[in-house]
PDB file of N, CA and C in Angstrom:
ATOM      1  N   MET A   1    -165.980   7.417  38.342  1.00  0.00           N
ATOM      2  CA  MET A   1    -164.786   8.263  37.768  1.00  0.00           C
ATOM      3  C   MET A   1    -163.394   8.110  38.843  1.00  0.00           C
ATOM      4  N   ARG A   2    -162.080   8.286  38.206  1.00  0.00           N
ATOM      5  CA  ARG A   2    -161.097   8.136  38.783  1.00  0.00           C
ATOM      6  C   ARG A   2    -161.224   9.461  39.676  1.00  0.00           C
ATOM      7  N   GLY A   3    -160.310   9.577  40.993  1.00  0.00           N
ATOM      8  CA  GLY A   3    -160.342  10.373  42.154  1.00  0.00           C
ATOM      9  C   GLY A   3    -159.310  11.511  41.341  1.00  0.00           C
ATOM     10  N   ARG A   4    -159.337  12.677  42.350  1.00  0.00           N
ATOM     11  CA  ARG A   4    -158.896  13.831  42.108  1.00  0.00           C
ATOM     12  C   ARG A   4    -157.344  13.791  41.882  1.00  0.00           C
ATOM     13  N   GLY A   5    -156.630  12.710  42.602  1.00  0.00           N
ATOM     14  CA  GLY A   5    -155.077  12.658  42.679  1.00  0.00           C
ATOM     15  C   GLY A   5    -154.597  12.298  41.387  1.00  0.00           C
ATOM     16  N   GLU A   6    -155.533  11.713  40.341  1.00  0.00           N
ATOM     17  CA  GLU A   6    -155.283  10.554  39.551  1.00  0.00           C
ATOM     18  C   GLU A   6    -155.143  11.394  37.808  1.00  0.00           C
ATOM     19  N   TYR A   7    -155.107  12.951  37.846  1.00  0.00           N
ATOM     20  CA  TYR A   7    -155.057  13.376  36.717  1.00  0.00           C
ATOM     21  C   TYR A   7    -153.114  14.368  36.840  1.00  0.00           C
ATOM     22  N   LEU A   8    -152.893  14.602  35.394  1.00  0.00           N
ATOM     23  CA  LEU A   8    -151.773  15.324  35.714  1.00  0.00           C
ATOM     24  C   LEU A   8    -152.064  17.058  35.403  1.00  0.00           C
ATOM     25  N   ILE A   9    -151.383  17.634  35.757  1.00  0.00           N
ATOM     26  CA  ILE A   9    -152.324  19.458  35.684  1.00  0.00           C
ATOM     27  C   ILE A   9    -150.933  19.615  35.553  1.00  0.00           C
ATOM     28  N   GLU A  10    -151.058  20.942  34.547  1.00  0.00           N
ATOM     29  CA  GLU A  10    -149.761  22.183  34.053  1.00  0.00           C
ATOM     30  C   GLU A  10    -150.274  23.449  34.499  1.00  0.00           C
ATOM     31  N   LEU A  11    -149.903  24.068  34.914  1.00  0.00           N
ATOM     32  CA  LEU A  11    -150.389  25.655  35.115  1.00  0.00           C
ATOM     33  C   LEU A  11    -149.008  26.665  34.270  1.00  0.00           C
ATOM     34  N   HIS A  12    -149.600  27.393  33.605  1.00  0.00           N
ATOM     35  CA  HIS A  12    -148.611  28.273  32.847  1.00  0.00           C
ATOM     36  C   HIS A  12    -148.804  29.537  32.683  1.00  0.00           C
ATOM     37  N   GLN A  13    -148.455  30.678  33.495  1.00  0.00           N
ATOM     38  CA  GLN A  13    -149.091  31.929  33.610  1.00  0.00           C
ATOM     39  C   GLN A  13    -148.482  32.403  32.252  1.00  0.00           C
ATOM     40  N   VAL A  14    -149.114  33.121  31.567  1.00  0.00           N
ATOM     41  CA  VAL A  14    -149.138  33.979  30.827  1.00  0.00           C
ATOM     42  C   VAL A  14    -149.554  35.646  30.831  1.00  0.00           C
ATOM     43  N   GLY A  15    -148.808  36.726  31.202  1.00  0.00           N
ATOM     44  CA  GLY A  15    -149.359  37.969  31.744  1.00  0.00           C
ATOM     45  C   GLY A  15    -150.492  37.994  32.709  1.00  0.00           C
ATOM     46  N   ALA A  16    -151.350  38.267  32.444  1.00  0.00           N
ATOM     47  CA  ALA A  16    -152.597  38.419  33.517  1.00  0.00           C
ATOM     48  C   ALA A  16    -153.337  37.190  33.507  1.00  0.00           C
ATOM     49  N   PHE A  17    -153.101  35.824  32.714  1.00  0.00           N
ATOM     50  CA  PHE A  17    -153.728  34.648  32.604  1.00  0.00           C
ATOM     51  C   PHE A  17    -153.096  33.729  32.975  1.00  0.00           C
ATOM     52  N   VAL A  18    -153.601  32.527  32.994  1.00  0.00           N
ATOM     53  CA  VAL A  18    -153.118  31.220  33.456  1.00  0.00           C
ATOM     54  C   VAL A  18    -153.527  30.099  32.356  1.00  0.00           C
ATOM     55  N   LYS A  19    -152.847  29.377  31.590  1.00  0.00           N
ATOM     56  CA  LYS A  19    -153.341  28.296  30.757  1.00  0.00           C
ATOM     57  C   LYS A  19    -153.203  27.117  31.416  1.00  0.00           C
ATOM     58  N   VAL A  20    -154.319  26.402  32.087  1.00  0.00           N
ATOM     59  CA  VAL A  20    -154.326  25.143  32.529  1.00  0.00           C
ATOM     60  C   VAL A  20    -154.265  23.871  31.639  1.00  0.00           C
ATOM     61  N   SER A  21    -153.720  22.870  31.976  1.00  0.00           N
ATOM     62  CA  SER A  21    -153.507  21.710  31.176  1.00  0.00           C
ATOM     63  C   SER A  21    -153.997  20.482  32.049  1.00  0.00           C
ATOM     64  N   ALA A  22    -154.650  19.736  31.493  1.00  0.00           N
ATOM     65  CA  ALA A  22    -155.347  18.645  32.275  1.00  0.00           C
ATOM     66  C   ALA A  22    -155.107  17.510  31.617  1.00  0.00           C
ATOM     67  N   ILE A  23    -154.389  16.441  31.924  1.00  0.00           N
ATOM     68  CA  ILE A  23    -154.038  15.157  31.274  1.00  0.00           C
ATOM     69  C   ILE A  23    -154.489  13.800  32.102  1.00  0.00           C
ATOM     70  N   ASP A  24    -155.255  12.804  31.481  1.00  0.00           N
ATOM     71  CA  ASP A  24    -155.660  11.615  32.139  1.00  0.00           C
ATOM     72  C   ASP A  24    -154.465  11.216  31.561  1.00  0.00           C
ATOM     73  N   PRO A  25    -153.515  10.205  33.121  1.00  0.00           N
ATOM     74  CA  PRO A  25    -152.533   9.429  32.118  1.00  0.00           C
ATOM     75  C   PRO A  25    -152.845   8.214  31.993  1.00  0.00           C
ATOM     76  N   VAL A  26    -154.125   7.596  31.780  1.00  0.00           N
ATOM     77  CA  VAL A  26    -154.579   6.126  31.246  1.00  0.00           C
ATOM     78  C   VAL A  26    -154.884   6.103  29.986  1.00  0.00           C
ATOM     79  N   THR A  27    -155.347   7.403  29.317  1.00  0.00           N
ATOM     80  CA  THR A  27    -155.754   7.516  27.887  1.00  0.00           C
ATOM     81  C   THR A  27    -155.238   8.461  27.351  1.00  0.00           C
ATOM     82  N   GLY A  28    -154.286   9.238  27.986  1.00  0.00           N
ATOM     83  CA  GLY A  28    -153.499  10.323  27.293  1.00  0.00           C
ATOM     84  C   GLY A  28    -154.252  11.460  26.887  1.00  0.00           C
ATOM     85  N   THR A  29    -155.671  11.729  26.991  1.00  0.00           N
ATOM     86  CA  THR A  29    -156.336  12.664  26.903  1.00  0.00           C
ATOM     87  C   THR A  29    -156.044  14.065  27.699  1.00  0.00           C
ATOM     88  N   GLU A  30    -156.034  15.178  26.807  1.00  0.00           N
ATOM     89  CA  GLU A  30    -155.610  16.218  27.191  1.00  0.00           C
ATOM     90  C   GLU A  30    -156.289  17.506  27.189  1.00  0.00           C
ATOM     91  N   VAL A  31    -156.542  18.402  28.086  1.00  0.00           N
ATOM     92  CA  VAL A  31    -157.307  19.265  27.870  1.00  0.00           C
ATOM     93  C   VAL A  31    -157.200  20.569  28.449  1.00  0.00           C
ATOM     94  N   SER A  32    -157.289  21.941  27.976  1.00  0.00           N
ATOM     95  CA  SER A  32    -157.081  23.251  28.697  1.00  0.00           C
ATOM     96  C   SER A  32    -157.638  24.225  28.514  1.00  0.00           C
ATOM     97  N   ILE A  33    -157.735  25.042  29.713  1.00  0.00           N
ATOM     98  CA  ILE A  33    -158.608  26.242  29.491  1.00  0.00           C
ATOM     99  C   ILE A  33    -157.897  27.274  30.192  1.00  0.00           C
ATOM    100  N   THR A  34    -158.357  28.445  30.028  1.00  0.00           N
ATOM    101  CA  THR A  34    -157.689  29.785  30.373  1.00  0.00           C
ATOM    102  C   THR A  34    -158.325  30.179  31.367  1.00  0.00           C
ATOM    103  N   GLY A  35    -157.662  31.191  32.404  1.00  0.00           N
ATOM    104  CA  GLY A  35    -158.474  32.036  33.398  1.00  0.00           C
ATOM    105  C   GLY A  35    -157.502  32.658  33.815  1.00  0.00           C
ATOM    106  N   PRO A  36    -158.288  33.824  34.463  1.00  0.00           N
ATOM    107  CA  PRO A  36    -157.348  35.083  34.916  1.00  0.00           C
ATOM    108  C   PRO A  36    -156.612  34.273  36.120  1.00  0.00           C
ATOM    109  N   ALA A  37    -155.321  34.897  36.310  1.00  0.00           N
ATOM    110  CA  ALA A  37    -154.090  34.535  37.133  1.00  0.00           C
ATOM    111  C   ALA A  37    -155.094  35.291  38.490  1.00  0.00           C
ATOM    112  N   THR A  38    -156.306  35.956  38.830  1.00  0.00           N
ATOM    113  CA  THR A  38    -156.316  36.348  40.258  1.00  0.00           C
ATOM    114  C   THR A  38    -157.424  35.141  40.558  1.00  0.00           C
ATOM    115  N   ALA A  39    -157.594  34.289  40.151  1.00  0.00           N
ATOM    116  CA  ALA A  39    -158.695  33.131  40.262  1.00  0.00           C
ATOM    117  C   ALA A  39    -158.061  32.179  41.154  1.00  0.00           C
ATOM    118  N   GLY A  40    -156.865  31.637  41.088  1.00  0.00           N
ATOM    119  CA  GLY A  40    -156.565  30.816  41.988  1.00  0.00           C
ATOM    120  C   GLY A  40    -156.077  29.528  41.524  1.00  0.00           C
ATOM    121  N   GLU A  41    -155.315  28.785  42.444  1.00  0.00           N
ATOM    122  CA  GLU A  41    -154.469  27.647  41.302  1.00  0.00           C
ATOM    123  C   GLU A  41    -155.878  26.484  41.601  1.00  0.00           C
ATOM    124  N   ALA A  42    -156.197  26.439  42.606  1.00  0.00           N
ATOM    125  CA  ALA A  42    -157.091  25.433  43.320  1.00  0.00           C
ATOM    126  C   ALA A  42    -158.642  25.690  42.334  1.00  0.00           C
ATOM    127  N   ILE A  43    -158.949  26.689  42.178  1.00  0.00           N
ATOM    128  CA  ILE A  43    -160.258  26.820  41.086  1.00  0.00           C
ATOM    129  C   ILE A  43    -160.049  26.441  39.595  1.00  0.00           C
ATOM    130  N   LEU A  44    -158.603  27.023  39.117  1.00  0.00           N
ATOM    131  CA  LEU A  44    -158.643  26.618  37.799  1.00  0.00           C
ATOM    132  C   LEU A  44    -158.198  25.055  37.387  1.00  0.00           C
ATOM    133  N   SER A  45    -157.245  24.575  38.654  1.00  0.00           N
ATOM    134  CA  SER A  45    -157.112  23.268  38.668  1.00  0.00           C
ATOM    135  C   SER A  45    -158.663  22.542  38.495  1.00  0.00           C
ATOM    136  N   ARG A  46    -159.319  22.873  39.153  1.00  0.00           N
ATOM    137  CA  ARG A  46    -160.877  21.912  39.204  1.00  0.00           C
ATOM    138  C   ARG A  46    -161.673  22.393  38.103  1.00  0.00           C
ATOM    139  N   ASN A  47    -161.517  23.405  37.619  1.00  0.00           N
ATOM    140  CA  ASN A  47    -162.189  23.783  36.242  1.00  0.00           C
ATOM    141  C   ASN A  47    -161.532  22.994  35.094  1.00  0.00           C
ATOM    142  N   ALA A  48    -160.491  22.857  35.029  1.00  0.00           N
ATOM    143  CA  ALA A  48    -159.785  21.959  34.326  1.00  0.00           C
ATOM    144  C   ALA A  48    -160.117  20.568  34.242  1.00  0.00           C
ATOM    145  N   ILE A  49    -160.052  20.235  35.703  1.00  0.00           N
ATOM    146  CA  ILE A  49    -160.526  18.857  35.665  1.00  0.00           C
ATOM    147  C   ILE A  49    -161.969  18.503  35.400  1.00  0.00           C
ATOM    148  N   ASN A  50    -162.818  19.368  35.590  1.00  0.00           N
ATOM    149  CA  ASN A  50    -164.417  19.264  35.265  1.00  0.00           C
ATOM    150  C   ASN A  50    -164.018  18.983  33.839  1.00  0.00           C
ATOM    151  N   LYS A  51    -163.377  19.696  32.852  1.00  0.00           N
ATOM    152  CA  LYS A  51    -163.522  19.965  31.457  1.00  0.00           C
ATOM    153  C   LYS A  51    -162.811  18.735  31.158  1.00  0.00           C
ATOM    154  N   LEU A  52    -161.792  17.685  31.969  1.00  0.00           N
ATOM    155  CA  LEU A  52    -161.276  16.758  31.325  1.00  0.00           C
ATOM    156  C   LEU A  52    -162.177  15.306  31.605  1.00  0.00           C
ATOM    157  N   GLN A  53    -162.916  15.742  32.903  1.00  0.00           N
ATOM    158  CA  GLN A  53    -163.944  14.530  33.079  1.00  0.00           C
ATOM    159  C   GLN A  53    -165.216  14.274  32.029  1.00  0.00           C
ATOM    160  N   TYR A  54    -165.460  15.611  31.756  1.00  0.00           N
ATOM    161  CA  TYR A  54    -166.758  15.618  30.829  1.00  0.00           C
ATOM    162  C   TYR A  54    -166.060  15.237  29.188  1.00  0.00           C
ATOM    163  N   VAL A  55    -165.046  15.290  29.071  1.00  0.00           N
ATOM    164  CA  VAL A  55    -164.157  15.154  27.524  1.00  0.00           C
ATOM    165  C   VAL A  55    -164.154  13.377  27.730  1.00  0.00           C
ATOM    166  N   LEU A  56    -163.685  13.041  28.687  1.00  0.00           N
ATOM    167  CA  LEU A  56    -163.847  11.684  28.994  1.00  0.00           C
ATOM    168  C   LEU A  56    -165.005  10.758  29.083  1.00  0.00           C
ATOM    169  N   ARG A  57    -165.861  11.719  29.685  1.00  0.00           N
ATOM    170  CA  ARG A  57    -167.144  10.671  29.300  1.00  0.00           C
ATOM    171  C   ARG A  57    -167.792  10.705  27.921  1.00  0.00           C
ATOM    172  N   LYS A  58    -167.730  11.946  27.744  1.00  0.00           N
ATOM    173  CA  LYS A  58    -168.260  12.140  25.937  1.00  0.00           C
ATOM    174  C   LYS A  58    -167.287  10.977  24.999  1.00  0.00           C
ATOM    175  N   ASN A  59    -166.165  11.022  25.174  1.00  0.00           N
ATOM    176  CA  ASN A  59    -165.636   9.933  24.407  1.00  0.00           C
ATOM    177  C   ASN A  59    -165.669   8.397  24.687  1.00  0.00           C
ATOM    178  N   ALA A  60    -166.288   8.218  26.134  1.00  0.00           N
ATOM    179  CA  ALA A  60    -166.491   6.938  26.226  1.00  0.00           C
ATOM    180  C   ALA A  60    -168.001   6.457  25.891  1.00  0.00           C
ATOM    181  N   ALA A  61    -168.718   7.725  25.637  1.00  0.00           N
ATOM    182  CA  ALA A  61    -170.164   7.185  25.067  1.00  0.00           C
ATOM    183  C   ALA A  61    -169.922   6.725  23.843  1.00  0.00           C
ATOM    184  N   LYS A  62    -169.263   7.478  22.717  1.00  0.00           N
ATOM    185  CA  LYS A  62    -168.709   7.607  21.835  1.00  0.00           C
ATOM    186  C   LYS A  62    -167.995   6.037  21.251  1.00  0.00           C
ATOM    187  N   ALA A  63    -167.285   5.623  22.178  1.00  0.00           N
ATOM    188  CA  ALA A  63    -166.722   4.422  21.970  1.00  0.00           C
ATOM    189  C   ALA A  63    -167.714   3.240  22.428  1.00  0.00           C
ATOM    190  N   GLU A  64    -168.661   3.415  23.278  1.00  0.00           N
ATOM    191  CA  GLU A  64    -169.595   2.820  23.598  1.00  0.00           C
ATOM    192  C   GLU A  64    -170.867   2.552  22.261  1.00  0.00           C
ATOM    193  N   ALA A  65    -171.029   3.652  21.466  1.00  0.00           N
ATOM    194  CA  ALA A  65    -172.031   3.519  20.531  1.00  0.00           C
ATOM    195  C   ALA A  65    -171.333   3.182  19.730  1.00  0.00           C
ATOM    196  N   ARG A  66    -170.318   3.068  19.133  1.00  0.00           N
ATOM    197  CA  ARG A  66    -169.457   2.089  18.148  1.00  0.00           C
ATOM    198  C   ARG A  66    -169.271   0.505  18.324  1.00  0.00           C
ATOM    199  N   ARG A  67    -169.316   0.218  19.858  1.00  0.00           N
ATOM    200  CA  ARG A  67    -169.102  -1.066  19.885  1.00  0.00           C
ATOM    201  C   ARG A  67    -170.488  -1.585  19.671  1.00  0.00           C
ATOM    202  N   ARG A  68    -172.026  -0.936  19.862  1.00  0.00           N
ATOM    203  CA  ARG A  68    -173.016  -1.668  19.860  1.00  0.00           C
ATOM    204  C   ARG A  68    -173.460  -1.737  18.174  1.00  0.00           C
ATOM    205  N   GLY A  69    -172.616  -0.525  17.254  1.00  0.00           N
ATOM    206  CA  GLY A  69    -173.315  -0.713  15.788  1.00  0.00           C
ATOM    207  C   GLY A  69    -174.819  -0.550  15.743  1.00  0.00           C
ATOM    208  N   ILE A  70    -174.970  -1.046  14.435  1.00  0.00           N
ATOM    209  CA  ILE A  70    -176.337  -0.370  13.959  1.00  0.00           C
ATOM    210  C   ILE A  70    -177.240  -1.567  14.637  1.00  0.00           C
ATOM    211  N   GLU A  71    -178.284  -1.314  15.340  1.00  0.00           N
ATOM    212  CA  GLU A  71    -179.195  -1.806  15.966  1.00  0.00           C
ATOM    213  C   GLU A  71    -180.651  -1.598  14.997  1.00  0.00           C
ATOM    214  N   VAL A  72    -181.131  -3.348  14.596  1.00  0.00           N
ATOM    215  CA  VAL A  72    -182.236  -3.265  13.790  1.00  0.00           C
ATOM    216  C   VAL A  72    -183.392  -4.081  14.210  1.00  0.00           C
TER     217      VAL A  72
END
């Protein structure tokens, strides 16, 4: 899996909450989370990256299953 510095992170505060978007620049996959503004940028960013990595793994598994096709 790619290192931490290879994702794009955007934070947007809306009242007491922050919307954090994480984007994989290679695939263009984007996820977002929301959390309390008091949680801190580092924690919110890490949570968004964890979700992005989960989605990337899930998408890779689906792509692998399609490549394998039907096994008889």
